[in-house]
Amino acid sequence: MPCTSVAPELDAAGRARYVTDHLPPGLFRLAEDADTNVPWRVSPQPFPLKPSTVAAVESLGDDLLAFYRALNALYLRSARGTAPAFIAEELDRGKPEQIVKLARQNRFKQDIPRVIRPDLILTDDGYVASELDSVPGGMGFTSALAHTYCEIGEDSIGGTDGIAHRFAEMLASLSSVERPTVAIVVSQESTDYRSELNWLAGRVDALGLADVIVCAPQDIVFTEEALFVRREDGRETKIDVLYRNFELFDLLNIPKQELMLYAARHNRVKMTPPPKAHFEEKSSFALFHHPGLRAYWRSELGDAVDERLLGIFPRTWIIDPRPLPWQAAIVDLTANGLPVHDWSQLEDLGKSERDYVIKPSGFSELAWGSRGVKVANDLSKDEWRAGLHDALASFDHVPYILQRFHKGKRVRVPFLSTSTGEIKEMDGRVRLCPYYFVIGDRTRLGGILATVAPADKRLIHGMSDAVMASCRVADDGF
């Protein structure tokens, strides 16, 4: 839908103030009675991307879908013994037996996540995908940003309600129901995202695309025939789709999780994302680069997709404390010009030689929101050594990865100064979060969130001194 400005006379500062004043409260982990809607820096315009960047990002969705399908097939082959055993061993490491069994159940065998969100770091050469998220936050937040910018005549990729439309189309495709009834189940651990999901559900409802209810696990009602959701007014409504907005590492703490999974296993309801933890493992990037598996990936993906993903998935290694034979070395990892055969060789690297990131692979409360991430060349030598030792010590219960660090491209972005009320510029680095929705056998892009952190920050994430905006197409963009 094209944007029609409600206030065409506003200057840049006025547009930024409009966004600040008209974004719904509570979307960004704020209480409803907070003094401001936006604890970040607001730009007067969506972030500009050049047409070639947008085209590349848009086509990336199908490549990532192909990767998920190939990863799923490789995991299942390994689990049944027709592919090397180490694949399933690494993807299952640290997980309780119940989680492993869920991933291997026939009912969920072919299921893949229906929402895909990579973290793309813009670089001087294009972009790299530092990780993938199949239970992503930010859908409602990004949709609300695009909607609010549209009110002042600023176009965003996906349009006014791109995410709401694509989300509803995904749900209809999954359920084979034209206007499905959907319960978005938000756990206590994920409660920060409830406000933005309420907003998204409201937009989908307002557009007449689906009946979407955001609820707690306790609001789900089980019968042998179907799952129901208890609404705020006490009515119970049969649901077609259960959208799982809770992490699998928290599953055993979720009330009624056994009943939800039982209903999904017996096809009483469609569940997405599927309860398959291997899709959340960053160690999948290490498997993708493993030389012994290269022929498999190329065969499954095709030459073109494989080549494109090799260009954007950073080189990644699982931090594994088990000793290597004397004649072995870790592929493509060197320290002081020598092949690495023991992790201790990395301990004495200087800051300029530590172009790495350490982070938990996936099945942990530390594996999202940059909580467990350590940028190696930001650390003192003692901190770097401690980070390596901690990662090695946690291998059996929370495996960590070492990933090549790619420095983001520097950009200049305008923002509203809350102290002066004027537009200033910030020198920063950009993370793009595109939201892809699987509809049938293809993906569709709903919108893109840009987070621009100050250039002196190594980690790019939502923070008070970052600029956060939806994205637009611009010939002079990045």
Protein backbone atom coordinates (compact mmCIF):
# COMPACT_ATOMS: atom_id res chain seq x y z
CA MET A 1 0.00 0.00 0.00
CA PRO A 2 1.53 3.40 -0.96
CA CYS A 3 2.21 5.85 1.85
CA THR A 4 0.15 9.04 2.11
CA SER A 5 1.54 11.63 4.49
CA VAL A 6 -0.66 12.97 7.27
CA ALA A 7 1.79 15.84 7.81
CA PRO A 8 3.58 16.75 4.56
CA GLU A 9 4.81 20.10 5.93
CA LEU A 10 7.09 18.56 8.58
CA ASP A 11 10.84 19.13 8.36
CA ALA A 12 13.35 16.38 9.22
CA ALA A 13 13.21 17.06 12.96
CA GLY A 14 9.42 17.17 12.84
CA ARG A 15 9.28 13.79 11.08
CA ALA A 16 11.54 12.23 13.71
CA ARG A 17 9.44 13.74 16.49
CA TYR A 18 6.29 12.37 14.83
CA VAL A 19 7.78 8.86 14.87
CA THR A 20 8.79 9.29 18.51
CA ASP A 21 5.33 10.50 19.51
CA HIS A 22 3.20 8.11 17.45
CA LEU A 23 4.89 4.74 17.79
CA PRO A 24 2.73 2.54 20.03
CA PRO A 25 4.16 2.38 23.58
CA GLY A 26 5.75 -0.76 24.93
CA LEU A 27 7.11 -2.14 21.66
CA PHE A 28 10.72 -2.10 22.76
CA ARG A 29 10.77 -3.73 26.19
CA LEU A 30 9.17 -0.74 27.90
CA ALA A 31 6.37 -0.50 30.38
CA GLU A 32 3.12 0.99 29.13
CA ASP A 33 3.58 3.98 31.47
CA ALA A 34 7.14 4.79 30.36
CA ASP A 35 7.96 8.46 29.70
CA THR A 36 8.98 7.78 26.11
CA ASN A 37 7.98 5.25 23.48
CA VAL A 38 11.49 4.96 22.10
CA PRO A 39 14.63 4.40 24.18
CA TRP A 40 16.81 4.54 21.05
CA ARG A 41 17.78 7.20 18.50
CA VAL A 42 15.12 8.00 15.92
CA SER A 43 15.92 8.82 12.31
CA PRO A 44 13.68 11.13 10.25
CA GLN A 45 13.65 8.50 7.47
CA PRO A 46 13.89 4.75 7.08
CA PHE A 47 17.44 3.53 6.48
CA PRO A 48 18.38 3.73 2.76
CA LEU A 49 19.46 0.65 0.81
CA LYS A 50 20.39 0.76 -2.85
CA PRO A 51 18.27 -1.32 -5.25
CA SER A 52 21.01 -3.91 -5.81
CA THR A 53 21.34 -4.50 -2.04
CA VAL A 54 17.57 -4.93 -1.69
CA ALA A 55 17.48 -7.34 -4.63
CA ALA A 56 20.28 -9.44 -3.11
CA VAL A 57 18.62 -9.48 0.32
CA GLU A 58 15.26 -10.37 -1.19
CA SER A 59 16.69 -13.35 -3.08
CA LEU A 60 18.59 -14.51 0.00
CA GLY A 61 15.36 -15.79 1.58
CA ASP A 62 15.08 -18.74 -0.79
CA ASP A 63 18.78 -19.54 -0.29
CA LEU A 64 18.29 -19.68 3.48
CA LEU A 65 15.19 -21.84 3.07
CA ALA A 66 17.25 -24.25 0.95
CA PHE A 67 19.94 -24.26 3.67
CA TYR A 68 17.39 -25.11 6.37
CA ARG A 69 16.01 -27.97 4.27
CA ALA A 70 19.48 -29.33 3.59
CA LEU A 71 20.49 -28.99 7.26
CA ASN A 72 17.35 -30.85 8.33
CA ALA A 73 17.95 -33.67 5.85
CA LEU A 74 21.61 -33.97 6.91
CA TYR A 75 20.69 -34.08 10.60
CA LEU A 76 18.08 -36.81 10.07
CA ARG A 77 20.43 -38.86 7.88
CA SER A 78 23.09 -38.64 10.59
CA ALA A 79 20.57 -39.64 13.28
CA ARG A 80 19.59 -42.80 11.40
CA GLY A 81 23.17 -43.71 10.47
CA THR A 82 23.32 -42.88 6.75
CA ALA A 83 25.55 -39.81 7.26
CA PRO A 84 28.49 -39.33 9.64
CA ALA A 85 27.43 -39.67 13.29
CA PHE A 86 29.31 -36.54 14.42
CA ILE A 87 26.74 -34.29 12.69
CA ALA A 88 23.81 -35.25 14.93
CA GLU A 89 26.16 -35.54 17.90
CA GLU A 90 27.25 -31.92 17.57
CA LEU A 91 23.76 -30.55 16.85
CA ASP A 92 22.31 -32.49 19.82
CA ARG A 93 25.10 -31.72 22.26
CA GLY A 94 23.92 -30.36 25.61
CA LYS A 95 20.24 -31.08 24.97
CA PRO A 96 18.03 -33.25 27.17
CA GLU A 97 16.69 -36.49 25.73
CA GLN A 98 13.17 -35.06 25.32
CA ILE A 99 14.41 -32.29 23.01
CA VAL A 100 16.42 -34.75 20.89
CA LYS A 101 13.42 -37.08 20.54
CA LEU A 102 11.19 -34.20 19.43
CA ALA A 103 13.57 -33.28 16.61
CA ARG A 104 13.53 -36.85 15.31
CA GLN A 105 9.82 -37.61 15.48
CA ASN A 106 8.22 -38.61 12.19
CA ARG A 107 5.41 -36.10 12.62
CA PHE A 108 7.88 -33.19 12.50
CA LYS A 109 10.41 -34.83 10.17
CA GLN A 110 9.95 -32.51 7.18
CA ASP A 111 8.93 -29.39 9.11
CA ILE A 112 11.11 -26.30 8.79
CA PRO A 113 10.77 -22.86 10.39
CA ARG A 114 8.22 -20.65 8.61
CA VAL A 115 9.80 -17.35 9.69
CA ILE A 116 13.49 -16.86 8.92
CA ARG A 117 15.50 -13.88 10.13
CA PRO A 118 19.24 -13.63 9.57
CA ASP A 119 21.48 -11.02 11.15
CA LEU A 120 23.27 -9.40 8.22
CA ILE A 121 26.28 -7.18 8.89
CA LEU A 122 26.84 -4.67 6.08
CA THR A 123 30.51 -4.72 5.05
CA ASP A 124 32.56 -2.88 2.44
CA ASP A 125 32.15 -5.94 0.18
CA GLY A 126 28.43 -6.58 0.71
CA TYR A 127 27.25 -8.35 3.84
CA VAL A 128 27.82 -11.40 6.04
CA ALA A 129 25.21 -13.43 7.93
CA SER A 130 26.52 -13.70 11.47
CA GLU A 131 23.65 -15.99 12.52
CA LEU A 132 20.11 -17.16 11.74
CA ASP A 133 17.05 -16.98 13.99
CA SER A 134 13.91 -19.05 13.53
CA VAL A 135 12.16 -17.76 16.68
CA PRO A 136 12.84 -14.09 16.00
CA GLY A 137 11.79 -11.08 17.98
CA GLY A 138 11.17 -7.79 16.24
CA MET A 139 8.40 -8.67 13.76
CA GLY A 140 5.82 -6.42 15.38
CA PHE A 141 8.41 -3.77 16.19
CA THR A 142 9.63 -3.55 12.59
CA SER A 143 6.07 -3.58 11.28
CA ALA A 144 5.09 -0.72 13.62
CA LEU A 145 8.13 1.32 12.55
CA ALA A 146 7.26 0.90 8.85
CA HIS A 147 3.62 1.75 9.55
CA THR A 148 4.55 4.93 11.45
CA TYR A 149 7.07 6.11 8.85
CA CYS A 150 4.40 5.56 6.23
CA GLU A 151 2.13 8.01 8.04
CA ILE A 152 4.60 10.79 7.24
CA GLY A 153 4.96 9.70 3.62
CA GLU A 154 8.18 7.68 3.99
CA ASP A 155 8.09 4.39 2.09
CA SER A 156 9.46 1.25 3.70
CA ILE A 157 10.39 -2.05 2.08
CA GLY A 158 7.31 -4.24 2.28
CA GLY A 159 4.97 -1.26 2.46
CA THR A 160 2.69 -0.16 5.28
CA ASP A 161 1.73 -3.65 6.42
CA GLY A 162 4.18 -5.93 4.63
CA ILE A 163 5.03 -8.01 7.68
CA ALA A 164 1.38 -8.34 8.73
CA HIS A 165 0.39 -9.50 5.23
CA ARG A 166 3.26 -11.97 4.84
CA PHE A 167 2.79 -13.33 8.37
CA ALA A 168 -0.90 -13.97 7.65
CA GLU A 169 -0.11 -15.56 4.26
CA MET A 170 2.39 -17.87 5.95
CA LEU A 171 -0.21 -18.94 8.53
CA ALA A 172 -2.84 -19.55 5.84
CA SER A 173 -0.36 -21.58 3.77
CA LEU A 174 0.64 -23.68 6.78
CA SER A 175 -2.91 -24.40 7.92
CA SER A 176 -4.61 -24.58 4.49
CA VAL A 177 -7.28 -22.30 6.00
CA GLU A 178 -8.02 -19.03 4.22
CA ARG A 179 -8.55 -17.05 7.44
CA PRO A 180 -7.03 -19.17 10.22
CA THR A 181 -7.41 -18.78 13.95
CA VAL A 182 -3.96 -18.47 15.48
CA ALA A 183 -2.63 -18.49 19.04
CA ILE A 184 0.75 -16.79 19.51
CA VAL A 185 1.96 -18.43 22.72
CA VAL A 186 4.41 -16.22 24.62
CA SER A 187 6.28 -17.68 27.57
CA GLN A 188 7.28 -15.80 30.71
CA GLU A 189 10.91 -15.91 29.54
CA SER A 190 9.88 -14.21 26.26
CA THR A 191 7.45 -11.73 27.79
CA ASP A 192 9.50 -8.73 26.57
CA TYR A 193 8.14 -9.43 23.09
CA ARG A 194 4.47 -9.63 24.05
CA SER A 195 3.64 -5.96 23.34
CA GLU A 196 5.01 -6.01 19.81
CA LEU A 197 3.21 -9.28 19.08
CA ASN A 198 -0.02 -7.77 20.38
CA TRP A 199 0.47 -4.92 17.93
CA LEU A 200 1.15 -7.31 15.03
CA ALA A 201 -1.88 -9.43 15.93
CA GLY A 202 -4.00 -6.29 15.97
CA ARG A 203 -2.87 -5.30 12.49
CA VAL A 204 -3.53 -8.79 11.08
CA ASP A 205 -7.00 -8.72 12.65
CA ALA A 206 -7.70 -5.20 11.37
CA LEU A 207 -6.81 -6.24 7.84
CA GLY A 208 -9.21 -9.19 8.10
CA LEU A 209 -6.47 -11.72 7.29
CA ALA A 210 -6.67 -13.98 10.35
CA ASP A 211 -7.97 -14.17 13.90
CA VAL A 212 -4.81 -13.88 16.01
CA ILE A 213 -4.76 -14.13 19.80
CA VAL A 214 -1.59 -13.48 21.82
CA CYS A 215 -1.68 -15.58 24.98
CA ALA A 216 0.29 -17.22 27.77
CA PRO A 217 0.78 -21.01 27.79
CA GLN A 218 -1.75 -21.24 30.62
CA ASP A 219 -4.45 -19.90 28.25
CA ILE A 220 -4.25 -22.96 26.00
CA VAL A 221 -7.06 -25.47 26.53
CA PHE A 222 -6.54 -29.10 25.46
CA THR A 223 -9.09 -31.62 24.28
CA GLU A 224 -8.56 -34.90 22.43
CA GLU A 225 -10.08 -33.36 19.30
CA ALA A 226 -8.41 -29.94 19.17
CA LEU A 227 -6.58 -27.14 20.95
CA PHE A 228 -8.46 -24.06 22.13
CA VAL A 229 -7.34 -20.68 23.39
CA ARG A 230 -9.08 -18.89 26.24
CA ARG A 231 -9.64 -15.24 25.33
CA GLU A 232 -9.57 -12.35 27.78
CA ASP A 233 -13.39 -12.39 27.94
CA GLY A 234 -13.34 -16.07 28.92
CA ARG A 235 -14.53 -17.47 25.59
CA GLU A 236 -12.66 -20.48 24.21
CA THR A 237 -11.85 -20.61 20.51
CA LYS A 238 -10.51 -23.56 18.51
CA ILE A 239 -7.15 -22.74 16.92
CA ASP A 240 -5.71 -23.81 13.56
CA VAL A 241 -2.11 -22.72 14.20
CA LEU A 242 0.00 -22.43 17.34
CA TYR A 243 2.84 -19.96 16.80
CA ARG A 244 5.57 -20.92 19.28
CA ASN A 245 7.10 -17.75 20.68
CA PHE A 246 9.14 -19.57 23.31
CA GLU A 247 12.60 -21.09 23.15
CA LEU A 248 13.23 -24.82 23.35
CA PHE A 249 15.89 -24.41 26.05
CA ASP A 250 13.01 -23.17 28.23
CA LEU A 251 10.57 -25.89 27.17
CA LEU A 252 10.47 -27.84 30.42
CA ASN A 253 9.43 -24.64 32.23
CA ILE A 254 6.48 -23.97 29.91
CA PRO A 255 3.06 -24.82 31.41
CA LYS A 256 1.04 -27.24 29.25
CA GLN A 257 3.94 -27.83 26.85
CA GLU A 258 3.24 -31.58 26.84
CA LEU A 259 -0.36 -30.98 25.76
CA MET A 260 0.63 -28.53 23.03
CA LEU A 261 3.20 -30.95 21.65
CA TYR A 262 0.77 -33.88 21.89
CA ALA A 263 -1.80 -31.92 19.85
CA ALA A 264 0.83 -30.99 17.26
CA ARG A 265 2.11 -34.58 17.01
CA HIS A 266 -1.42 -35.86 16.42
CA ASN A 267 -2.19 -33.15 13.85
CA ARG A 268 -4.83 -31.47 16.03
CA VAL A 269 -3.05 -28.18 15.38
CA LYS A 270 -0.21 -26.90 13.20
CA MET A 271 2.79 -25.68 15.18
CA THR A 272 5.46 -23.32 13.93
CA PRO A 273 8.37 -23.05 14.42
CA PRO A 274 8.63 -26.83 14.76
CA PRO A 275 10.19 -28.14 18.00
CA LYS A 276 13.55 -28.87 16.37
CA ALA A 277 16.48 -27.31 18.18
CA HIS A 278 19.09 -27.98 15.48
CA PHE A 279 17.72 -25.04 13.47
CA GLU A 280 18.92 -22.71 16.24
CA GLU A 281 22.49 -24.02 16.40
CA LYS A 282 25.19 -21.66 15.17
CA SER A 283 27.43 -24.74 14.92
CA SER A 284 25.54 -25.46 11.67
CA PHE A 285 27.85 -22.85 10.07
CA ALA A 286 30.83 -24.97 11.16
CA LEU A 287 29.23 -28.01 9.54
CA PHE A 288 28.57 -26.01 6.39
CA HIS A 289 32.28 -25.18 6.09
CA HIS A 290 33.47 -28.69 7.05
CA PRO A 291 35.61 -29.96 4.14
CA GLY A 292 34.30 -33.52 4.54
CA LEU A 293 30.72 -32.30 4.00
CA ARG A 294 31.31 -29.89 1.14
CA ALA A 295 30.18 -32.37 -1.52
CA TYR A 296 26.92 -32.96 0.38
CA TRP A 297 26.08 -29.27 0.67
CA ARG A 298 26.88 -28.58 -2.97
CA SER A 299 24.78 -31.54 -4.09
CA GLU A 300 21.78 -30.54 -1.93
CA LEU A 301 21.90 -26.80 -2.60
CA GLY A 302 23.18 -26.66 -6.15
CA ASP A 303 26.33 -24.85 -7.21
CA ALA A 304 24.90 -21.33 -7.30
CA VAL A 305 23.20 -21.36 -3.88
CA ASP A 306 26.17 -23.10 -2.27
CA GLU A 307 28.55 -20.51 -3.68
CA ARG A 308 26.41 -17.61 -2.48
CA LEU A 309 26.15 -19.02 1.05
CA LEU A 310 29.90 -19.70 1.18
CA GLY A 311 30.29 -15.98 0.49
CA ILE A 312 28.14 -14.84 3.41
CA PHE A 313 28.41 -17.50 6.16
CA PRO A 314 31.51 -16.61 8.24
CA ARG A 315 34.13 -19.27 8.84
CA THR A 316 33.09 -20.99 12.08
CA TRP A 317 34.62 -23.61 14.38
CA ILE A 318 33.15 -25.54 17.31
CA ILE A 319 35.28 -24.96 20.43
CA ASP A 320 35.92 -28.60 21.26
CA PRO A 321 38.33 -29.49 24.10
CA ARG A 322 38.93 -33.08 22.98
CA PRO A 323 42.60 -33.65 22.03
CA LEU A 324 43.56 -34.16 18.39
CA PRO A 325 46.01 -36.80 17.13
CA TRP A 326 49.53 -35.38 16.87
CA GLN A 327 49.36 -35.26 13.07
CA ALA A 328 46.00 -33.42 12.92
CA ALA A 329 45.10 -29.71 12.89
CA ILE A 330 41.89 -27.66 12.93
CA VAL A 331 41.03 -26.88 9.32
CA ASP A 332 41.74 -23.29 8.22
CA LEU A 333 42.52 -22.06 11.75
CA THR A 334 46.01 -20.65 12.35
CA ALA A 335 47.83 -18.88 15.18
CA ASN A 336 51.04 -16.93 14.57
CA GLY A 337 51.15 -18.42 11.09
CA LEU A 338 50.98 -22.02 12.30
CA PRO A 339 48.11 -24.53 12.01
CA VAL A 340 46.17 -24.84 15.27
CA HIS A 341 46.11 -28.32 16.81
CA ASP A 342 45.41 -27.17 20.37
CA TRP A 343 43.19 -24.28 21.49
CA SER A 344 45.91 -23.08 23.85
CA GLN A 345 47.79 -21.81 20.77
CA LEU A 346 45.22 -19.00 20.52
CA GLU A 347 45.73 -17.73 24.07
CA ASP A 348 48.74 -15.51 23.36
CA LEU A 349 47.40 -13.86 20.22
CA GLY A 350 47.59 -10.07 20.29
CA LYS A 351 44.46 -7.97 19.89
CA SER A 352 45.17 -7.24 16.23
CA GLU A 353 45.34 -10.99 15.53
CA ARG A 354 42.07 -11.82 17.28
CA ASP A 355 39.53 -11.19 14.54
CA TYR A 356 37.09 -13.61 16.17
CA VAL A 357 33.85 -13.78 18.10
CA ILE A 358 33.06 -16.38 20.78
CA LYS A 359 29.39 -17.18 21.36
CA PRO A 360 27.17 -20.02 22.58
CA SER A 361 25.96 -22.19 19.74
CA GLY A 362 22.25 -22.10 20.51
CA PHE A 363 20.56 -24.10 23.26
CA SER A 364 21.01 -21.59 26.06
CA GLU A 365 19.49 -18.46 27.54
CA LEU A 366 22.82 -16.80 26.63
CA ALA A 367 22.42 -17.55 22.91
CA TRP A 368 20.13 -14.65 21.98
CA GLY A 369 20.23 -10.88 22.37
CA SER A 370 24.06 -10.80 22.27
CA ARG A 371 24.09 -11.98 25.89
CA GLY A 372 26.87 -14.54 25.54
CA VAL A 373 28.87 -12.90 22.73
CA LYS A 374 32.50 -11.91 23.25
CA VAL A 375 34.37 -9.98 20.56
CA ALA A 376 37.92 -11.21 20.96
CA ASN A 377 39.82 -8.06 20.04
CA ASP A 378 37.77 -6.05 22.54
CA LEU A 379 39.09 -8.19 25.39
CA SER A 380 42.24 -7.94 27.46
CA LYS A 381 44.60 -10.91 27.21
CA ASP A 382 43.34 -12.26 30.53
CA GLU A 383 39.70 -11.85 29.45
CA TRP A 384 40.43 -13.55 26.12
CA ARG A 385 42.08 -16.51 27.87
CA ALA A 386 39.19 -16.75 30.34
CA GLY A 387 36.68 -16.66 27.49
CA LEU A 388 38.43 -19.55 25.73
CA HIS A 389 38.72 -21.56 28.96
CA ASP A 390 35.05 -21.02 29.82
CA ALA A 391 33.97 -22.08 26.33
CA LEU A 392 36.09 -25.22 26.46
CA ALA A 393 34.81 -26.10 29.95
CA SER A 394 31.14 -25.79 28.92
CA PHE A 395 31.45 -27.98 25.80
CA ASP A 396 29.34 -30.87 27.06
CA HIS A 397 26.38 -28.80 28.27
CA VAL A 398 26.56 -25.48 26.31
CA PRO A 399 28.90 -25.76 23.32
CA TYR A 400 30.44 -22.53 22.02
CA ILE A 401 31.66 -21.54 18.59
CA LEU A 402 34.56 -19.41 17.38
CA GLN A 403 33.55 -17.32 14.38
CA ARG A 404 35.55 -15.06 12.12
CA PHE A 405 34.74 -11.42 12.93
CA HIS A 406 33.87 -9.20 9.96
CA LYS A 407 34.00 -5.49 10.64
CA GLY A 408 30.92 -3.59 9.52
CA LYS A 409 30.92 -0.85 6.91
CA ARG A 410 30.93 2.68 8.35
CA VAL A 411 27.91 4.79 7.47
CA ARG A 412 26.56 8.21 8.38
CA VAL A 413 22.98 8.27 9.59
CA PRO A 414 20.80 11.19 10.78
CA PHE A 415 18.98 11.10 14.11
CA LEU A 416 17.00 13.39 16.38
CA SER A 417 18.96 14.72 19.35
CA THR A 418 16.66 14.53 22.37
CA SER A 419 18.74 17.17 24.18
CA THR A 420 18.64 19.85 21.44
CA GLY A 421 15.64 18.82 19.35
CA GLU A 422 17.82 19.09 16.24
CA ILE A 423 18.93 16.55 13.62
CA LYS A 424 22.49 15.33 14.08
CA GLU A 425 24.55 12.69 12.29
CA MET A 426 26.13 9.58 13.74
CA ASP A 427 29.02 7.53 12.41
CA GLY A 428 27.97 3.90 12.77
CA ARG A 429 27.91 0.31 11.59
CA VAL A 430 24.79 -1.49 10.40
CA ARG A 431 23.00 -4.77 11.09
CA LEU A 432 20.09 -5.62 8.82
CA CYS A 433 17.37 -8.02 9.98
CA PRO A 434 15.16 -9.04 7.05
CA TYR A 435 12.00 -10.99 7.91
CA TYR A 436 11.22 -13.81 5.45
CA PHE A 437 8.00 -15.81 5.55
CA VAL A 438 7.72 -19.27 3.99
CA ILE A 439 4.61 -19.39 1.82
CA GLY A 440 4.27 -22.64 -0.09
CA ASP A 441 7.72 -23.57 -1.37
CA ARG A 442 9.15 -20.04 -1.48
CA THR A 443 9.93 -17.16 0.85
CA ARG A 444 8.55 -13.64 0.74
CA LEU A 445 10.20 -10.64 2.34
CA GLY A 446 7.95 -8.73 4.74
CA GLY A 447 10.27 -5.96 5.87
CA ILE A 448 13.79 -5.13 7.05
CA LEU A 449 14.94 -3.64 10.36
CA ALA A 450 18.19 -1.65 10.38
CA THR A 451 20.12 -1.21 13.61
CA VAL A 452 22.98 1.29 13.38
CA ALA A 453 25.29 1.19 16.39
CA PRO A 454 27.99 3.81 17.01
CA ALA A 455 31.16 2.95 15.10
CA ASP A 456 33.15 2.41 18.29
CA LYS A 457 30.82 -0.42 19.37
CA ARG A 458 31.82 -3.90 18.26
CA LEU A 459 28.45 -5.52 18.90
CA ILE A 460 25.54 -4.19 16.90
CA HIS A 461 22.26 -4.58 18.76
CA GLY A 462 19.39 -2.53 20.12
CA MET A 463 20.84 0.03 22.57
CA SER A 464 19.99 3.55 23.67
CA ASP A 465 22.62 5.17 21.45
CA ALA A 466 21.77 3.10 18.33
CA VAL A 467 19.55 4.28 15.50
CA MET A 468 16.79 1.78 14.71
CA ALA A 469 14.57 2.13 11.65
CA SER A 470 12.78 0.21 8.96
CA CYS A 471 14.49 0.25 5.54
CA ARG A 472 13.68 1.93 2.22
CA VAL A 473 14.97 1.68 -1.34
CA ALA A 474 17.13 4.64 -2.40
CA ASP A 475 19.52 5.10 -5.33
CA ASP A 476 22.01 6.77 -2.97
CA GLY A 477 21.64 4.07 -0.32
CA PHE A 478 24.11 1.49 0.97
